[in-house]
Amino acid sequence: MENNIIKQVKEAKKFMENTANFPLTYCLFLGTCFLLWKPKYISLIKISRWVPNSLQKIILELFTLIYSNIIWIVFLLISCILIIYLLSKYTSFFYILLPKKKLHEDDSTILWSEYFAVIRLFSILGRLITQFFIYYFTLNVLFNPYNFVNNFFIGETVSAKNALIIKGYLPADALVTLNIFFAINVLITVWFLLRAFFETKTTTDTYYLSSDDLILYTKINSFPFRKGTEILILKKNYGKKPEFLLVSKETFDDGKGYYHVLDIADKLPDIVYHFEALKEETIQNNSST
């Protein structure tokens, strides 16, 4: 039964994101906001009867342990990001500390980089504000024993009369922070709704790399193609399957590179054939001029 539920959730998530162009998590958020607005429907759906009280308590306590200390957690995450950034920018600390990349027999590569740490810390911070907050918010609307529906918004109740604060469920500063998270998610929901109505997806054969993407690749070969343009062969540094790219790099006056992917293959000879053809074309054009 649990496997069927997980499978159905995955299918619903795939449908919402690919067909409706709206995240399933924010469908949950919209539904929870409706219950917050019309709390009489909470008793009508009787969802609390489906989940044992002991399980409700455990889940709420685990989430509350995080969100009652959310200010310190956010401060810690931002501090770690700033420390990593400053050490990376002004010292060689990570160059000395982190191991070099390691190649494996299955063509996979292990990379160590402080940038990956920063990305993951930002990801954790973002999930705490959005995805995990929505789960916590929904659980409280459904199961919280301290009249969460009427006590969540700080403008509606005085702190001295707020059961969430009086009972020690959440400190006042954490409740204020959760109200801010709620406002952020409302804005995100509006954006997703606008995107769902007005955005459309079309397939394209054009593929580009950004300068930041180059850390994931190793340059194998290159040659000057035209003025300001260079042709490169790149190999992806990670992944279960090998991936080789033929890239046209165009450099502008400001020094920034513009990387247009001309071909992708899982075998190097396929890319080399295209590479050599362009190189031969360049030689012929140069000799004719």
Protein backbone atom coordinates (compact mmCIF):
# COMPACT_ATOMS: atom_id res chain seq x y z
CA MET A 1 0.00 0.00 0.00
CA GLU A 2 2.81 2.42 0.89
CA ASN A 3 4.52 1.70 -2.45
CA ASN A 4 1.28 2.46 -4.30
CA ILE A 5 0.88 5.77 -2.46
CA ILE A 6 4.48 6.77 -3.26
CA LYS A 7 3.98 5.78 -6.90
CA GLN A 8 0.77 7.82 -7.14
CA VAL A 9 2.45 10.86 -5.58
CA LYS A 10 5.31 10.60 -8.09
CA GLU A 11 2.86 10.34 -10.97
CA ALA A 12 0.88 13.32 -9.67
CA LYS A 13 4.10 15.32 -9.26
CA LYS A 14 5.17 14.46 -12.81
CA PHE A 15 1.75 15.40 -14.21
CA MET A 16 1.60 18.73 -12.37
CA GLU A 17 5.11 19.77 -13.35
CA ASN A 18 5.10 18.54 -16.97
CA THR A 19 1.47 19.04 -17.97
CA ALA A 20 0.00 21.69 -15.67
CA ASN A 21 3.36 23.47 -15.24
CA PHE A 22 2.62 23.92 -11.53
CA PRO A 23 4.53 22.24 -8.67
CA LEU A 24 2.63 19.68 -6.60
CA THR A 25 4.04 21.18 -3.39
CA TYR A 26 2.31 24.48 -4.12
CA CYS A 27 -0.95 22.68 -4.89
CA LEU A 28 -0.66 21.41 -1.33
CA PHE A 29 0.04 24.96 -0.15
CA LEU A 30 -3.05 26.29 -1.93
CA GLY A 31 -5.17 23.54 -0.39
CA THR A 32 -3.82 24.29 3.07
CA CYS A 33 -4.48 28.00 2.64
CA PHE A 34 -8.07 27.13 1.76
CA LEU A 35 -8.38 25.10 4.98
CA LEU A 36 -6.86 28.01 6.90
CA TRP A 37 -9.52 30.25 5.38
CA LYS A 38 -12.37 27.73 5.84
CA PRO A 39 -11.34 25.62 8.89
CA LYS A 40 -14.75 23.90 9.07
CA TYR A 41 -13.60 21.63 6.23
CA ILE A 42 -10.77 20.26 8.39
CA SER A 43 -13.27 18.40 10.54
CA LEU A 44 -15.25 17.33 7.48
CA ILE A 45 -12.36 15.54 5.77
CA LYS A 46 -11.44 13.88 9.11
CA ILE A 47 -7.84 13.34 8.06
CA SER A 48 -6.70 13.15 11.70
CA ARG A 49 -8.51 9.81 11.97
CA TRP A 50 -6.27 8.33 9.29
CA VAL A 51 -3.06 9.11 11.18
CA PRO A 52 -2.44 7.75 14.69
CA ASN A 53 -2.08 10.40 17.39
CA SER A 54 1.36 9.12 18.35
CA LEU A 55 2.59 9.54 14.75
CA GLN A 56 1.07 13.02 14.53
CA LYS A 57 2.92 14.01 17.69
CA ILE A 58 6.26 12.60 16.55
CA ILE A 59 6.12 14.32 13.16
CA LEU A 60 5.07 17.66 14.62
CA GLU A 61 7.76 17.51 17.31
CA LEU A 62 10.49 16.77 14.75
CA PHE A 63 9.46 19.69 12.53
CA THR A 64 8.90 21.99 15.50
CA LEU A 65 12.39 21.24 16.79
CA ILE A 66 13.70 22.76 13.57
CA TYR A 67 11.29 25.65 13.15
CA SER A 68 11.31 26.76 16.78
CA ASN A 69 15.04 27.43 16.22
CA ILE A 70 14.69 28.58 12.62
CA ILE A 71 16.31 32.00 13.18
CA TRP A 72 19.50 30.42 14.48
CA ILE A 73 19.48 27.80 11.72
CA VAL A 74 19.13 30.48 9.02
CA PHE A 75 21.87 32.54 10.68
CA LEU A 76 24.16 29.49 10.80
CA LEU A 77 23.57 28.61 7.13
CA ILE A 78 24.18 32.18 5.93
CA SER A 79 27.30 32.43 8.12
CA CYS A 80 28.69 29.21 6.63
CA ILE A 81 28.03 30.47 3.10
CA LEU A 82 29.80 33.77 3.83
CA ILE A 83 32.78 32.05 5.48
CA ILE A 84 33.22 29.66 2.54
CA TYR A 85 32.92 32.54 0.07
CA LEU A 86 35.49 34.70 1.88
CA LEU A 87 37.95 31.82 2.32
CA SER A 88 37.61 30.92 -1.35
CA LYS A 89 37.98 34.49 -2.60
CA TYR A 90 40.82 35.72 -0.40
CA THR A 91 42.76 32.58 0.57
CA SER A 92 43.98 29.28 -0.88
CA PHE A 93 42.46 27.36 2.04
CA PHE A 94 40.22 25.07 -0.01
CA TYR A 95 42.86 24.55 -2.71
CA ILE A 96 45.15 23.13 -0.02
CA LEU A 97 42.47 21.34 2.00
CA LEU A 98 40.27 19.64 -0.60
CA PRO A 99 41.42 16.52 -2.45
CA LYS A 100 42.02 16.66 -6.19
CA LYS A 101 39.54 15.08 -8.59
CA LYS A 102 39.62 11.29 -8.68
CA LEU A 103 38.90 9.15 -11.75
CA HIS A 104 37.26 5.72 -11.49
CA GLU A 105 37.25 2.76 -13.82
CA ASP A 106 33.55 3.27 -14.66
CA ASP A 107 34.43 6.68 -16.21
CA SER A 108 33.00 8.53 -13.24
CA THR A 109 34.88 11.36 -11.56
CA ILE A 110 34.82 12.49 -7.95
CA LEU A 111 35.15 16.26 -7.67
CA TRP A 112 35.70 18.33 -4.53
CA SER A 113 34.81 22.01 -4.66
CA GLU A 114 33.74 24.68 -2.19
CA TYR A 115 31.23 25.86 -4.79
CA PHE A 116 29.29 22.61 -4.44
CA ALA A 117 29.10 23.23 -0.67
CA VAL A 118 27.73 26.75 -1.22
CA ILE A 119 25.13 25.46 -3.69
CA ARG A 120 24.00 22.77 -1.25
CA LEU A 121 23.78 25.22 1.65
CA PHE A 122 21.66 27.56 -0.47
CA SER A 123 19.52 24.56 -1.42
CA ILE A 124 18.96 23.65 2.26
CA LEU A 125 18.09 27.26 3.07
CA GLY A 126 15.67 27.46 0.16
CA ARG A 127 13.94 24.21 1.09
CA LEU A 128 13.53 25.32 4.72
CA ILE A 129 11.79 28.50 3.53
CA THR A 130 9.65 26.83 0.84
CA GLN A 131 9.15 23.07 0.58
CA PHE A 132 9.72 22.00 4.20
CA PHE A 133 7.85 25.03 5.53
CA ILE A 134 4.81 24.06 3.44
CA TYR A 135 4.88 20.52 4.89
CA TYR A 136 5.18 21.90 8.43
CA PHE A 137 2.46 24.48 7.81
CA THR A 138 0.10 21.80 6.44
CA LEU A 139 0.74 19.43 9.34
CA ASN A 140 -0.03 22.20 11.83
CA VAL A 141 -3.25 23.21 10.10
CA LEU A 142 -4.40 19.57 10.18
CA PHE A 143 -3.07 18.28 13.49
CA ASN A 144 -1.91 21.10 15.78
CA PRO A 145 -3.72 20.93 19.17
CA TYR A 146 -3.28 24.64 20.00
CA ASN A 147 -5.78 26.14 17.54
CA PHE A 148 -3.11 26.86 14.93
CA VAL A 149 -5.66 28.22 12.45
CA ASN A 150 -6.59 31.15 14.71
CA ASN A 151 -3.17 31.70 16.27
CA PHE A 152 -0.79 31.50 13.31
CA PHE A 153 -1.08 35.08 12.07
CA ILE A 154 0.64 37.35 14.58
CA GLY A 155 -1.53 40.35 13.65
CA GLU A 156 -4.71 38.62 14.75
CA THR A 157 -3.71 37.65 18.29
CA VAL A 158 -1.72 39.34 21.03
CA SER A 159 1.35 37.37 22.11
CA ALA A 160 0.04 37.18 25.67
CA LYS A 161 -3.11 35.40 24.41
CA ASN A 162 -1.54 33.27 21.69
CA ALA A 163 -1.78 29.59 22.68
CA LEU A 164 1.16 28.63 20.43
CA ILE A 165 3.40 30.95 22.45
CA ILE A 166 1.81 30.45 25.89
CA LYS A 167 2.04 26.65 25.67
CA GLY A 168 5.67 26.86 24.59
CA TYR A 169 4.97 25.31 21.19
CA LEU A 170 6.75 28.12 19.31
CA PRO A 171 8.64 31.19 20.56
CA ALA A 172 7.31 34.55 19.41
CA ASP A 173 10.30 35.32 17.15
CA ALA A 174 9.97 31.94 15.41
CA LEU A 175 6.25 32.57 14.81
CA VAL A 176 7.08 35.97 13.27
CA THR A 177 9.63 34.27 11.01
CA LEU A 178 7.07 31.67 9.93
CA ASN A 179 4.67 34.47 9.04
CA ILE A 180 7.40 35.92 6.80
CA PHE A 181 7.94 32.49 5.21
CA PHE A 182 4.19 32.30 4.60
CA ALA A 183 4.23 35.66 2.78
CA ILE A 184 7.21 34.55 0.68
CA ASN A 185 5.38 31.37 -0.35
CA VAL A 186 2.25 33.32 -1.25
CA LEU A 187 4.35 35.42 -3.65
CA ILE A 188 5.97 32.29 -5.07
CA THR A 189 2.52 30.74 -5.56
CA VAL A 190 1.36 33.81 -7.48
CA TRP A 191 4.44 33.51 -9.69
CA PHE A 192 3.78 29.81 -10.37
CA LEU A 193 0.13 30.56 -11.20
CA LEU A 194 1.16 33.26 -13.67
CA ARG A 195 3.70 30.90 -15.19
CA ALA A 196 1.15 28.09 -15.48
CA PHE A 197 -1.26 30.35 -17.38
CA PHE A 198 1.12 32.29 -19.61
CA GLU A 199 4.24 30.16 -20.14
CA THR A 200 4.57 27.48 -22.79
CA LYS A 201 7.40 25.05 -23.48
CA THR A 202 8.79 24.29 -26.93
CA THR A 203 11.60 21.98 -27.94
CA THR A 204 14.74 23.44 -29.43
CA ASP A 205 17.88 21.99 -30.92
CA THR A 206 20.02 24.85 -29.61
CA TYR A 207 22.01 24.12 -26.47
CA TYR A 208 24.32 26.46 -24.60
CA LEU A 209 26.73 26.28 -21.69
CA SER A 210 27.43 29.04 -19.22
CA SER A 211 30.89 29.87 -17.94
CA ASP A 212 29.94 28.35 -14.58
CA ASP A 213 29.17 25.02 -16.28
CA LEU A 214 32.79 24.61 -17.40
CA ILE A 215 33.85 23.39 -13.96
CA LEU A 216 31.94 20.19 -14.78
CA TYR A 217 33.99 19.54 -17.94
CA THR A 218 37.58 18.89 -19.00
CA LYS A 219 38.91 20.35 -22.26
CA ILE A 220 40.43 17.64 -24.46
CA ASN A 221 41.32 19.59 -27.60
CA SER A 222 40.67 22.90 -29.34
CA PHE A 223 41.57 25.05 -32.34
CA PRO A 224 40.84 28.63 -33.50
CA PHE A 225 37.91 28.48 -35.92
CA ARG A 226 37.17 32.03 -36.97
CA LYS A 227 38.09 35.42 -35.56
CA GLY A 228 36.98 35.45 -31.93
CA THR A 229 35.72 31.86 -32.16
CA GLU A 230 37.26 28.63 -30.88
CA ILE A 231 36.13 25.03 -31.30
CA LEU A 232 36.56 22.79 -28.23
CA ILE A 233 36.08 19.15 -27.30
CA LEU A 234 34.88 18.81 -23.71
CA LYS A 235 34.45 15.70 -21.58
CA LYS A 236 31.99 15.67 -18.71
CA ASN A 237 33.72 14.98 -15.40
CA TYR A 238 30.95 12.98 -13.74
CA GLY A 239 28.04 10.70 -14.59
CA LYS A 240 27.43 7.00 -15.04
CA LYS A 241 27.85 7.31 -18.81
CA PRO A 242 30.60 9.22 -20.63
CA GLU A 243 29.55 12.41 -22.38
CA PHE A 244 31.58 14.37 -24.92
CA LEU A 245 30.67 17.81 -26.27
CA LEU A 246 31.75 19.73 -29.33
CA VAL A 247 31.49 23.40 -28.40
CA SER A 248 31.88 26.66 -30.27
CA LYS A 249 33.27 29.35 -27.97
CA GLU A 250 32.73 32.93 -29.08
CA THR A 251 34.60 35.60 -27.13
CA PHE A 252 33.24 39.15 -26.98
CA ASP A 253 35.05 42.42 -26.35
CA ASP A 254 34.28 42.26 -22.64
CA GLY A 255 36.18 38.96 -22.43
CA LYS A 256 33.11 36.84 -21.68
CA GLY A 257 32.77 33.50 -23.45
CA TYR A 258 29.61 32.37 -25.24
CA TYR A 259 29.48 28.55 -25.46
CA HIS A 260 27.26 27.01 -28.14
CA VAL A 261 27.07 23.19 -28.06
CA LEU A 262 27.32 21.88 -31.63
CA ASP A 263 27.25 18.14 -30.90
CA ILE A 264 26.89 15.68 -28.01
CA ALA A 265 27.95 12.01 -28.05
CA ASP A 266 28.80 9.23 -25.61
CA LYS A 267 31.75 8.15 -27.77
CA LEU A 268 34.78 10.35 -28.34
CA PRO A 269 35.41 9.29 -32.00
CA ASP A 270 32.00 10.65 -33.01
CA ILE A 271 32.96 14.07 -31.69
CA VAL A 272 36.50 13.89 -33.08
CA TYR A 273 35.12 13.22 -36.58
CA HIS A 274 33.04 16.42 -36.41
CA PHE A 275 35.95 18.30 -34.83
CA GLU A 276 38.39 17.26 -37.58
CA ALA A 277 35.87 18.17 -40.30
CA LEU A 278 35.56 21.71 -38.95
CA LYS A 279 39.34 21.92 -38.56
CA GLU A 280 39.88 20.83 -42.17
CA GLU A 281 37.32 23.40 -43.31
CA THR A 282 39.23 26.09 -41.43
CA ILE A 283 42.55 25.05 -43.02
CA GLN A 284 41.05 25.12 -46.52
CA ASN A 285 39.49 28.53 -45.95
CA ASN A 286 42.80 29.93 -44.66
CA SER A 287 44.77 28.48 -47.59
CA SER A 288 42.33 29.91 -50.14
CA THR A 289 42.71 33.38 -48.68
